[in-house]
């Protein structure tokens, strides 16, 4: 059989192996590069064309488009990495009503659950087959690493066909939830813990710099020797808290009572005040514990806090 006689839809094949990325901030650029370096044909669009032009100069299989609509039409898999839900809304509302026909949109734009739901509804007005919310649990430099996790929620029948493509970005974790807001909600939970740790760490390092202990070059060894080991033990104090939450029993003979925690926290707050350093969140945490104690929770452990926050 001659090659010319074999049915061959080159346009459809090209679309199946291509991806359109809208939004080229740090994360959007990292996502586009990850796809390009794995052999995908990548179509990109950004409000300011300079970023798109710079990317096409670096990656040979990246094409830039002047309009969001033209970029979307180039692929069946469309990824949006827009600043926030308001910017996402403005872009989507400007599109042709039929632009999304036959396409799945994966949205990495940050938004609250209610904002994500509105974004999902907007894409229906533009004929997209499906809307899937994504949450990248990584910095841009970590996109594409095997240990990187990305969360997804939305219609599973549309997620499964694109899962292999999404694995280019890291481990594609489907949350077993048709509701697209699930990924945004879980991202907020996980990142809250992360940012709270960062806030505590930065406060501690600010205190270190103001103290008589400080000398240039001390930050890294101090972090490695004292801070990291405490964080590595987090499983041993966070999991028991979770177990108490599951059981509804907030007291343990071997634990530390809220009244003891409050005494320590107030002392630490005064220490920061003596050095004129802001202790991010420490005072409000102490105030929340005091509130729980006033509700009769003085003998409880930290797990009891979840009922009063």
C-alpha atoms as a PDB file:
ATOM      1  CA  UNK A   1       0.000   0.000   0.000  1.00  0.00           C
ATOM      2  CA  UNK A   2       1.410   3.378  -0.934  1.00  0.00           C
ATOM      3  CA  UNK A   3       1.833   6.058   1.688  1.00  0.00           C
ATOM      4  CA  UNK A   4      -0.542   8.356  -0.154  1.00  0.00           C
ATOM      5  CA  UNK A   5      -3.371   5.824   0.139  1.00  0.00           C
ATOM      6  CA  UNK A   6      -3.231   5.642   3.960  1.00  0.00           C
ATOM      7  CA  UNK A   7      -5.869   7.826   5.633  1.00  0.00           C
ATOM      8  CA  UNK A   8      -3.956  10.401   7.625  1.00  0.00           C
ATOM      9  CA  UNK A   9      -5.487  13.381   9.404  1.00  0.00           C
ATOM     10  CA  UNK A  10      -2.330  15.384  10.057  1.00  0.00           C
ATOM     11  CA  UNK A  11      -4.211  18.325  11.559  1.00  0.00           C
ATOM     12  CA  UNK A  12      -5.931  16.170  14.186  1.00  0.00           C
ATOM     13  CA  UNK A  13      -2.710  14.282  14.955  1.00  0.00           C
ATOM     14  CA  UNK A  14      -0.902  17.567  15.424  1.00  0.00           C
ATOM     15  CA  UNK A  15      -3.617  18.793  17.790  1.00  0.00           C
ATOM     16  CA  UNK A  16      -3.470  15.608  19.878  1.00  0.00           C
ATOM     17  CA  UNK A  17       0.257  16.158  20.449  1.00  0.00           C
ATOM     18  CA  UNK A  18       0.025  19.879  21.085  1.00  0.00           C
ATOM     19  CA  UNK A  19      -0.917  22.112  23.965  1.00  0.00           C
ATOM     20  CA  UNK A  20      -1.905  25.760  24.172  1.00  0.00           C
ATOM     21  CA  UNK A  21      -0.671  27.754  27.166  1.00  0.00           C
ATOM     22  CA  UNK A  22      -2.226  31.125  27.956  1.00  0.00           C
ATOM     23  CA  UNK A  23      -0.330  33.285  30.440  1.00  0.00           C
ATOM     24  CA  UNK A  24       3.457  33.444  30.543  1.00  0.00           C
ATOM     25  CA  UNK A  25       4.356  34.539  34.029  1.00  0.00           C
ATOM     26  CA  UNK A  26       6.980  32.464  35.817  1.00  0.00           C
ATOM     27  CA  UNK A  27       4.666  29.462  36.223  1.00  0.00           C
ATOM     28  CA  UNK A  28       3.133  29.663  32.758  1.00  0.00           C
ATOM     29  CA  UNK A  29       6.568  29.893  31.169  1.00  0.00           C
ATOM     30  CA  UNK A  30       7.791  26.905  33.187  1.00  0.00           C
ATOM     31  CA  UNK A  31       4.757  24.871  32.087  1.00  0.00           C
ATOM     32  CA  UNK A  32       5.238  25.805  28.430  1.00  0.00           C
ATOM     33  CA  UNK A  33       8.939  24.912  28.582  1.00  0.00           C
ATOM     34  CA  UNK A  34       8.203  21.560  30.230  1.00  0.00           C
ATOM     35  CA  UNK A  35       5.861  20.583  27.399  1.00  0.00           C
ATOM     36  CA  UNK A  36       8.217  21.853  24.704  1.00  0.00           C
ATOM     37  CA  UNK A  37      11.174  19.931  26.096  1.00  0.00           C
ATOM     38  CA  UNK A  38       9.153  16.725  26.070  1.00  0.00           C
ATOM     39  CA  UNK A  39       8.451  17.086  22.370  1.00  0.00           C
ATOM     40  CA  UNK A  40       5.004  18.676  22.431  1.00  0.00           C
ATOM     41  CA  UNK A  41       4.103  21.368  19.958  1.00  0.00           C
ATOM     42  CA  UNK A  42       3.356  24.336  22.218  1.00  0.00           C
ATOM     43  CA  UNK A  43       1.233  27.339  21.315  1.00  0.00           C
ATOM     44  CA  UNK A  44       1.496  30.333  23.640  1.00  0.00           C
ATOM     45  CA  UNK A  45      -0.215  33.643  24.231  1.00  0.00           C
ATOM     46  CA  UNK A  46       0.435  36.420  26.705  1.00  0.00           C
ATOM     47  CA  UNK A  47      -1.077  39.879  27.103  1.00  0.00           C
ATOM     48  CA  UNK A  48       2.369  41.422  26.605  1.00  0.00           C
ATOM     49  CA  UNK A  49       3.845  39.843  23.486  1.00  0.00           C
ATOM     50  CA  UNK A  50       7.454  40.252  24.609  1.00  0.00           C
ATOM     51  CA  UNK A  51       7.335  37.204  26.870  1.00  0.00           C
ATOM     52  CA  UNK A  52       5.920  35.028  24.114  1.00  0.00           C
ATOM     53  CA  UNK A  53       8.548  36.202  21.636  1.00  0.00           C
ATOM     54  CA  UNK A  54      11.336  35.510  24.117  1.00  0.00           C
ATOM     55  CA  UNK A  55      10.050  31.969  24.644  1.00  0.00           C
ATOM     56  CA  UNK A  56       9.842  31.193  20.928  1.00  0.00           C
ATOM     57  CA  UNK A  57      13.460  32.296  20.581  1.00  0.00           C
ATOM     58  CA  UNK A  58      14.503  29.761  23.240  1.00  0.00           C
ATOM     59  CA  UNK A  59      12.344  26.771  22.280  1.00  0.00           C
ATOM     60  CA  UNK A  60      12.136  25.656  18.647  1.00  0.00           C
ATOM     61  CA  UNK A  61       8.713  23.966  18.945  1.00  0.00           C
ATOM     62  CA  UNK A  62       6.916  26.926  20.529  1.00  0.00           C
ATOM     63  CA  UNK A  63       4.690  29.204  18.448  1.00  0.00           C
ATOM     64  CA  UNK A  64       3.372  32.527  19.694  1.00  0.00           C
ATOM     65  CA  UNK A  65      -0.081  33.863  18.784  1.00  0.00           C
ATOM     66  CA  UNK A  66      -1.293  37.438  18.786  1.00  0.00           C
ATOM     67  CA  UNK A  67      -4.710  36.621  20.259  1.00  0.00           C
ATOM     68  CA  UNK A  68      -5.942  34.273  22.967  1.00  0.00           C
ATOM     69  CA  UNK A  69      -8.555  32.864  20.603  1.00  0.00           C
ATOM     70  CA  UNK A  70      -6.026  31.911  17.937  1.00  0.00           C
ATOM     71  CA  UNK A  71      -3.826  30.254  20.552  1.00  0.00           C
ATOM     72  CA  UNK A  72      -6.757  28.202  21.866  1.00  0.00           C
ATOM     73  CA  UNK A  73      -7.723  27.045  18.378  1.00  0.00           C
ATOM     74  CA  UNK A  74      -4.265  25.492  17.882  1.00  0.00           C
ATOM     75  CA  UNK A  75      -4.760  22.652  20.402  1.00  0.00           C
ATOM     76  CA  UNK A  76      -7.347  20.405  21.985  1.00  0.00           C
ATOM     77  CA  UNK A  77      -5.632  20.745  25.374  1.00  0.00           C
ATOM     78  CA  UNK A  78      -5.708  24.326  26.634  1.00  0.00           C
ATOM     79  CA  UNK A  79      -3.914  25.403  29.807  1.00  0.00           C
ATOM     80  CA  UNK A  80      -4.532  28.766  31.448  1.00  0.00           C
ATOM     81  CA  UNK A  81      -2.054  30.208  33.933  1.00  0.00           C
ATOM     82  CA  UNK A  82      -3.541  33.645  34.472  1.00  0.00           C
ATOM     83  CA  UNK A  83      -2.804  35.907  37.454  1.00  0.00           C
ATOM     84  CA  UNK A  84      -6.170  35.463  39.146  1.00  0.00           C
ATOM     85  CA  UNK A  85      -9.838  34.744  38.525  1.00  0.00           C
ATOM     86  CA  UNK A  86     -10.628  38.346  37.616  1.00  0.00           C
ATOM     87  CA  UNK A  87      -8.028  38.349  34.829  1.00  0.00           C
ATOM     88  CA  UNK A  88      -9.214  34.892  33.714  1.00  0.00           C
ATOM     89  CA  UNK A  89     -12.781  36.216  33.465  1.00  0.00           C
ATOM     90  CA  UNK A  90     -11.734  39.189  31.354  1.00  0.00           C
ATOM     91  CA  UNK A  91      -9.862  36.986  28.889  1.00  0.00           C
ATOM     92  CA  UNK A  92     -12.536  34.298  28.569  1.00  0.00           C
ATOM     93  CA  UNK A  93     -15.372  36.799  28.159  1.00  0.00           C
ATOM     94  CA  UNK A  94     -13.557  38.299  25.168  1.00  0.00           C
ATOM     95  CA  UNK A  95     -13.481  34.966  23.304  1.00  0.00           C
ATOM     96  CA  UNK A  96     -15.718  33.788  20.479  1.00  0.00           C
ATOM     97  CA  UNK A  97     -18.648  31.675  21.792  1.00  0.00           C
ATOM     98  CA  UNK A  98     -17.537  28.595  19.839  1.00  0.00           C
ATOM     99  CA  UNK A  99     -13.779  28.797  20.439  1.00  0.00           C
ATOM    100  CA  UNK A 100     -13.705  25.948  22.961  1.00  0.00           C
ATOM    101  CA  UNK A 101     -15.579  23.334  20.946  1.00  0.00           C
ATOM    102  CA  UNK A 102     -13.819  19.964  21.176  1.00  0.00           C
ATOM    103  CA  UNK A 103     -11.335  21.246  23.748  1.00  0.00           C
ATOM    104  CA  UNK A 104     -10.531  20.638  27.423  1.00  0.00           C
ATOM    105  CA  UNK A 105      -9.374  23.587  29.504  1.00  0.00           C
ATOM    106  CA  UNK A 106      -7.083  23.000  32.487  1.00  0.00           C
ATOM    107  CA  UNK A 107      -6.971  26.076  34.686  1.00  0.00           C
ATOM    108  CA  UNK A 108      -3.978  26.757  36.936  1.00  0.00           C
ATOM    109  CA  UNK A 109      -5.117  30.312  37.664  1.00  0.00           C
ATOM    110  CA  UNK A 110      -5.407  30.942  41.394  1.00  0.00           C
ATOM    111  CA  UNK A 111      -8.896  31.395  42.782  1.00  0.00           C
ATOM    112  CA  UNK A 112     -11.185  30.685  45.700  1.00  0.00           C
ATOM    113  CA  UNK A 113     -13.611  27.758  45.315  1.00  0.00           C
ATOM    114  CA  UNK A 114     -16.473  30.103  44.429  1.00  0.00           C
ATOM    115  CA  UNK A 115     -14.293  31.935  41.902  1.00  0.00           C
ATOM    116  CA  UNK A 116     -13.232  28.635  40.317  1.00  0.00           C
ATOM    117  CA  UNK A 117     -16.878  27.626  40.004  1.00  0.00           C
ATOM    118  CA  UNK A 118     -17.630  30.885  38.190  1.00  0.00           C
ATOM    119  CA  UNK A 119     -14.624  30.316  35.917  1.00  0.00           C
ATOM    120  CA  UNK A 120     -15.974  26.871  35.097  1.00  0.00           C
ATOM    121  CA  UNK A 121     -19.361  28.344  34.186  1.00  0.00           C
ATOM    122  CA  UNK A 122     -17.699  30.931  31.948  1.00  0.00           C
ATOM    123  CA  UNK A 123     -15.999  28.243  29.878  1.00  0.00           C
ATOM    124  CA  UNK A 124     -19.358  26.594  29.203  1.00  0.00           C
ATOM    125  CA  UNK A 125     -20.440  29.817  27.512  1.00  0.00           C
ATOM    126  CA  UNK A 126     -17.457  29.449  25.184  1.00  0.00           C
ATOM    127  CA  UNK A 127     -18.307  25.832  24.221  1.00  0.00           C
ATOM    128  CA  UNK A 128     -15.390  24.108  25.987  1.00  0.00           C
ATOM    129  CA  UNK A 129     -16.066  20.394  26.410  1.00  0.00           C
ATOM    130  CA  UNK A 130     -14.699  20.381  29.959  1.00  0.00           C
ATOM    131  CA  UNK A 131     -13.130  22.530  32.670  1.00  0.00           C
ATOM    132  CA  UNK A 132     -10.567  20.980  35.009  1.00  0.00           C
ATOM    133  CA  UNK A 133      -9.018  22.937  37.863  1.00  0.00           C
ATOM    134  CA  UNK A 134      -5.339  22.348  38.519  1.00  0.00           C
ATOM    135  CA  UNK A 135      -3.112  23.241  41.468  1.00  0.00           C
ATOM    136  CA  UNK A 136       0.652  23.077  41.073  1.00  0.00           C
ATOM    137  CA  UNK A 137       2.250  22.293  44.433  1.00  0.00           C
ATOM    138  CA  UNK A 138       5.664  23.561  43.419  1.00  0.00           C
ATOM    139  CA  UNK A 139       7.719  26.564  42.426  1.00  0.00           C
ATOM    140  CA  UNK A 140       8.228  27.169  38.688  1.00  0.00           C
ATOM    141  CA  UNK A 141      11.766  25.738  38.831  1.00  0.00           C
ATOM    142  CA  UNK A 142      10.319  22.429  40.076  1.00  0.00           C
ATOM    143  CA  UNK A 143       7.805  21.986  37.248  1.00  0.00           C
ATOM    144  CA  UNK A 144       8.568  18.802  35.342  1.00  0.00           C
ATOM    145  CA  UNK A 145      10.396  17.029  38.163  1.00  0.00           C
ATOM    146  CA  UNK A 146       9.076  13.536  39.012  1.00  0.00           C
ATOM    147  CA  UNK A 147       8.664  14.454  42.697  1.00  0.00           C
ATOM    148  CA  UNK A 148       6.470  17.450  41.880  1.00  0.00           C
ATOM    149  CA  UNK A 149       2.746  17.008  42.546  1.00  0.00           C
ATOM    150  CA  UNK A 150      -0.085  18.726  40.715  1.00  0.00           C
ATOM    151  CA  UNK A 151      -3.688  18.332  41.868  1.00  0.00           C
ATOM    152  CA  UNK A 152      -6.646  18.119  39.492  1.00  0.00           C
ATOM    153  CA  UNK A 153     -10.415  17.987  39.920  1.00  0.00           C
ATOM    154  CA  UNK A 154     -13.183  17.970  37.360  1.00  0.00           C
ATOM    155  CA  UNK A 155     -14.895  15.444  35.068  1.00  0.00           C
ATOM    156  CA  UNK A 156     -12.830  12.250  35.141  1.00  0.00           C
ATOM    157  CA  UNK A 157     -13.843  11.204  31.617  1.00  0.00           C
ATOM    158  CA  UNK A 158     -12.003  14.273  30.315  1.00  0.00           C
ATOM    159  CA  UNK A 159      -9.101  14.048  32.760  1.00  0.00           C
ATOM    160  CA  UNK A 160      -8.066  10.498  31.869  1.00  0.00           C
ATOM    161  CA  UNK A 161      -7.352  11.175  28.160  1.00  0.00           C
ATOM    162  CA  UNK A 162      -5.022  14.080  29.043  1.00  0.00           C
ATOM    163  CA  UNK A 163      -3.403  12.586  32.148  1.00  0.00           C
ATOM    164  CA  UNK A 164      -0.372  11.316  30.245  1.00  0.00           C
ATOM    165  CA  UNK A 165       0.239  14.784  28.833  1.00  0.00           C
ATOM    166  CA  UNK A 166      -0.155  16.390  32.257  1.00  0.00           C
ATOM    167  CA  UNK A 167       2.416  13.969  33.710  1.00  0.00           C
ATOM    168  CA  UNK A 168       4.984  16.057  31.823  1.00  0.00           C
ATOM    169  CA  UNK A 169       4.535  18.647  34.575  1.00  0.00           C
ATOM    170  CA  UNK A 170       4.976  16.191  37.456  1.00  0.00           C
ATOM    171  CA  UNK A 171       2.795  13.592  39.128  1.00  0.00           C
ATOM    172  CA  UNK A 172      -0.800  14.242  38.045  1.00  0.00           C
ATOM    173  CA  UNK A 173      -2.947  13.583  41.125  1.00  0.00           C
ATOM    174  CA  UNK A 174      -6.672  13.322  40.413  1.00  0.00           C
ATOM    175  CA  UNK A 175      -8.693  14.048  43.546  1.00  0.00           C
ATOM    176  CA  UNK A 176     -11.577  11.707  42.688  1.00  0.00           C
ATOM    177  CA  UNK A 177     -13.963  14.604  42.586  1.00  0.00           C
ATOM    178  CA  UNK A 178     -16.029  15.847  39.654  1.00  0.00           C
ATOM    179  CA  UNK A 179     -16.318  19.215  41.408  1.00  0.00           C
ATOM    180  CA  UNK A 180     -13.590  21.510  40.004  1.00  0.00           C
ATOM    181  CA  UNK A 181     -13.480  23.506  43.240  1.00  0.00           C
ATOM    182  CA  UNK A 182     -11.902  20.578  45.112  1.00  0.00           C
ATOM    183  CA  UNK A 183      -8.402  21.273  43.765  1.00  0.00           C
ATOM    184  CA  UNK A 184      -8.593  24.949  44.744  1.00  0.00           C
ATOM    185  CA  UNK A 185      -9.830  24.077  48.230  1.00  0.00           C
ATOM    186  CA  UNK A 186      -7.129  21.478  48.821  1.00  0.00           C
ATOM    187  CA  UNK A 187      -4.471  23.840  47.479  1.00  0.00           C
ATOM    188  CA  UNK A 188      -5.556  26.443  50.046  1.00  0.00           C
ATOM    189  CA  UNK A 189      -5.265  23.898  52.878  1.00  0.00           C
ATOM    190  CA  UNK A 190      -1.818  22.665  51.859  1.00  0.00           C
ATOM    191  CA  UNK A 191      -0.365  26.073  51.056  1.00  0.00           C
ATOM    192  CA  UNK A 192      -1.715  27.554  54.292  1.00  0.00           C
ATOM    193  CA  UNK A 193       0.451  25.083  56.198  1.00  0.00           C
ATOM    194  CA  UNK A 194       3.412  25.921  53.959  1.00  0.00           C
ATOM    195  CA  UNK A 195       3.092  29.698  54.291  1.00  0.00           C
ATOM    196  CA  UNK A 196       2.570  29.446  58.037  1.00  0.00           C
ATOM    197  CA  UNK A 197       5.840  27.520  58.337  1.00  0.00           C
ATOM    198  CA  UNK A 198       7.559  30.165  56.188  1.00  0.00           C
ATOM    199  CA  UNK A 199       6.154  32.968  58.358  1.00  0.00           C
ATOM    200  CA  UNK A 200       7.461  31.319  61.523  1.00  0.00           C
ATOM    201  CA  UNK A 201      10.837  30.639  59.941  1.00  0.00           C
ATOM    202  CA  UNK A 202      11.249  34.213  58.694  1.00  0.00           C
ATOM    203  CA  UNK A 203      10.321  35.572  62.121  1.00  0.00           C
ATOM    204  CA  UNK A 204      12.911  33.309  63.731  1.00  0.00           C
ATOM    205  CA  UNK A 205      15.598  34.419  61.279  1.00  0.00           C
ATOM    206  CA  UNK A 206      14.732  38.083  61.803  1.00  0.00           C
ATOM    207  CA  UNK A 207      15.205  37.541  65.541  1.00  0.00           C
ATOM    208  CA  UNK A 208      18.517  35.810  64.840  1.00  0.00           C
ATOM    209  CA  UNK A 209      19.747  38.824  62.843  1.00  0.00           C
ATOM    210  CA  UNK A 210      18.799  41.234  65.638  1.00  0.00           C
ATOM    211  CA  UNK A 211      20.374  39.113  68.351  1.00  0.00           C
ATOM    212  CA  UNK A 212      23.954  39.079  69.576  1.00  0.00           C
ATOM    213  CA  UNK A 213      24.336  35.646  67.992  1.00  0.00           C
ATOM    214  CA  UNK A 214      24.300  36.981  64.449  1.00  0.00           C
ATOM    215  CA  UNK A 215      27.288  37.056  62.157  1.00  0.00           C
ATOM    216  CA  UNK A 216      27.450  36.908  58.343  1.00  0.00           C
ATOM    217  CA  UNK A 217      27.177  33.363  57.042  1.00  0.00           C
ATOM    218  CA  UNK A 218      25.271  32.048  60.077  1.00  0.00           C
ATOM    219  CA  UNK A 219      21.807  31.777  58.497  1.00  0.00           C
ATOM    220  CA  UNK A 220      22.373  28.574  56.513  1.00  0.00           C
ATOM    221  CA  UNK A 221      24.169  26.525  59.200  1.00  0.00           C
ATOM    222  CA  UNK A 222      21.660  27.690  61.830  1.00  0.00           C
ATOM    223  CA  UNK A 223      18.804  26.617  59.560  1.00  0.00           C
ATOM    224  CA  UNK A 224      20.337  23.234  58.806  1.00  0.00           C
ATOM    225  CA  UNK A 225      21.323  22.492  62.400  1.00  0.00           C
ATOM    226  CA  UNK A 226      18.287  23.760  64.308  1.00  0.00           C
ATOM    227  CA  UNK A 227      15.286  24.571  62.099  1.00  0.00           C
ATOM    228  CA  UNK A 228      15.270  21.712  59.585  1.00  0.00           C
ATOM    229  CA  UNK A 229      15.484  18.955  62.252  1.00  0.00           C
ATOM    230  CA  UNK A 230      12.411  20.386  64.007  1.00  0.00           C
ATOM    231  CA  UNK A 231      10.469  20.414  60.734  1.00  0.00           C
ATOM    232  CA  UNK A 232      11.556  16.856  59.966  1.00  0.00           C
ATOM    233  CA  UNK A 233       9.894  15.791  63.208  1.00  0.00           C
ATOM    234  CA  UNK A 234       6.562  17.290  62.113  1.00  0.00           C
ATOM    235  CA  UNK A 235       5.037  13.865  61.439  1.00  0.00           C
ATOM    236  CA  UNK A 236       5.437  13.007  65.109  1.00  0.00           C
ATOM    237  CA  UNK A 237       3.429  15.996  66.326  1.00  0.00           C
ATOM    238  CA  UNK A 238       1.045  16.663  63.434  1.00  0.00           C
ATOM    239  CA  UNK A 239      -0.251  13.106  62.961  1.00  0.00           C
ATOM    240  CA  UNK A 240      -1.273  12.770  66.660  1.00  0.00           C
ATOM    241  CA  UNK A 241      -3.158  16.062  66.316  1.00  0.00           C
ATOM    242  CA  UNK A 242      -4.955  14.655  63.260  1.00  0.00           C
ATOM    243  CA  UNK A 243      -5.741  11.431  65.126  1.00  0.00           C
ATOM    244  CA  UNK A 244      -7.263  13.410  67.992  1.00  0.00           C
ATOM    245  CA  UNK A 245      -9.346  15.382  65.505  1.00  0.00           C
ATOM    246  CA  UNK A 246     -10.642  12.145  63.971  1.00  0.00           C
ATOM    247  CA  UNK A 247     -11.527  10.709  67.378  1.00  0.00           C
ATOM    248  CA  UNK A 248     -12.895  13.951  68.806  1.00  0.00           C
ATOM    249  CA  UNK A 249     -10.767  13.424  71.922  1.00  0.00           C
ATOM    250  CA  UNK A 250      -8.537  16.429  72.439  1.00  0.00           C
ATOM    251  CA  UNK A 251      -6.785  15.306  75.617  1.00  0.00           C
ATOM    252  CA  UNK A 252      -3.816  12.971  76.061  1.00  0.00           C
ATOM    253  CA  UNK A 253      -1.990  12.156  79.272  1.00  0.00           C
ATOM    254  CA  UNK A 254       1.340  12.450  77.463  1.00  0.00           C
ATOM    255  CA  UNK A 255       0.514  15.670  75.630  1.00  0.00           C
ATOM    256  CA  UNK A 256       0.912  19.366  76.314  1.00  0.00           C
ATOM    257  CA  UNK A 257      -2.129  21.346  77.458  1.00  0.00           C
ATOM    258  CA  UNK A 258      -3.257  24.565  75.815  1.00  0.00           C
ATOM    259  CA  UNK A 259      -2.586  26.456  79.027  1.00  0.00           C
ATOM    260  CA  UNK A 260       1.074  25.419  78.828  1.00  0.00           C
ATOM    261  CA  UNK A 261       1.303  26.378  75.166  1.00  0.00           C
ATOM    262  CA  UNK A 262      -0.193  29.794  75.945  1.00  0.00           C
ATOM    263  CA  UNK A 263       2.377  30.494  78.643  1.00  0.00           C
ATOM    264  CA  UNK A 264       5.232  29.658  76.260  1.00  0.00           C
ATOM    265  CA  UNK A 265       3.771  31.686  73.395  1.00  0.00           C
ATOM    266  CA  UNK A 266       3.306  34.799  75.519  1.00  0.00           C
ATOM    267  CA  UNK A 267       6.945  34.508  76.612  1.00  0.00           C
ATOM    268  CA  UNK A 268       8.113  34.215  73.004  1.00  0.00           C
ATOM    269  CA  UNK A 269       6.031  37.252  72.006  1.00  0.00           C
ATOM    270  CA  UNK A 270       7.712  39.311  74.747  1.00  0.00           C
ATOM    271  CA  UNK A 271      11.115  38.103  73.535  1.00  0.00           C
ATOM    272  CA  UNK A 272      10.399  39.378  70.029  1.00  0.00           C
ATOM    273  CA  UNK A 273       9.161  42.666  71.459  1.00  0.00           C
ATOM    274  CA  UNK A 274      12.403  43.120  73.405  1.00  0.00           C
ATOM    275  CA  UNK A 275      14.330  42.934  70.132  1.00  0.00           C
ATOM    276  CA  UNK A 276      11.768  45.019  68.231  1.00  0.00           C
ATOM    277  CA  UNK A 277      11.090  42.164  65.798  1.00  0.00           C
ATOM    278  CA  UNK A 278       7.673  41.282  64.378  1.00  0.00           C
ATOM    279  CA  UNK A 279       6.604  37.746  65.231  1.00  0.00           C
ATOM    280  CA  UNK A 280       4.333  36.974  62.280  1.00  0.00           C
ATOM    281  CA  UNK A 281       1.137  35.374  63.540  1.00  0.00           C
ATOM    282  CA  UNK A 282       2.480  34.482  66.985  1.00  0.00           C
ATOM    283  CA  UNK A 283       0.322  36.976  68.884  1.00  0.00           C
ATOM    284  CA  UNK A 284      -2.850  36.050  66.994  1.00  0.00           C
ATOM    285  CA  UNK A 285      -2.143  32.350  67.593  1.00  0.00           C
ATOM    286  CA  UNK A 286      -1.734  33.009  71.310  1.00  0.00           C
ATOM    287  CA  UNK A 287      -4.970  35.020  71.312  1.00  0.00           C
ATOM    288  CA  UNK A 288      -6.803  32.128  69.616  1.00  0.00           C
ATOM    289  CA  UNK A 289      -5.510  29.687  72.226  1.00  0.00           C
ATOM    290  CA  UNK A 290      -6.624  32.038  74.990  1.00  0.00           C
ATOM    291  CA  UNK A 291     -10.080  32.149  73.404  1.00  0.00           C
ATOM    292  CA  UNK A 292     -10.277  28.341  73.399  1.00  0.00           C
ATOM    293  CA  UNK A 293      -9.189  28.215  77.034  1.00  0.00           C
ATOM    294  CA  UNK A 294     -11.943  30.695  77.925  1.00  0.00           C
ATOM    295  CA  UNK A 295     -14.379  28.249  76.308  1.00  0.00           C
ATOM    296  CA  UNK A 296     -13.255  25.549  78.725  1.00  0.00           C
ATOM    297  CA  UNK A 297     -10.464  23.992  76.681  1.00  0.00           C
ATOM    298  CA  UNK A 298      -7.542  24.658  78.995  1.00  0.00           C
ATOM    299  CA  UNK A 299      -6.855  20.937  79.491  1.00  0.00           C
ATOM    300  CA  UNK A 300      -7.065  20.178  75.779  1.00  0.00           C
ATOM    301  CA  UNK A 301      -4.133  19.895  73.412  1.00  0.00           C
ATOM    302  CA  UNK A 302      -3.623  21.915  70.234  1.00  0.00           C
ATOM    303  CA  UNK A 303      -6.108  19.678  68.410  1.00  0.00           C
ATOM    304  CA  UNK A 304      -8.927  21.360  70.333  1.00  0.00           C
ATOM    305  CA  UNK A 305      -8.208  24.572  68.459  1.00  0.00           C
ATOM    306  CA  UNK A 306      -9.929  23.346  65.287  1.00  0.00           C
ATOM    307  CA  UNK A 307     -13.329  23.813  66.916  1.00  0.00           C
ATOM    308  CA  UNK A 308     -12.744  27.474  67.745  1.00  0.00           C
ATOM    309  CA  UNK A 309     -10.845  28.832  64.737  1.00  0.00           C
END
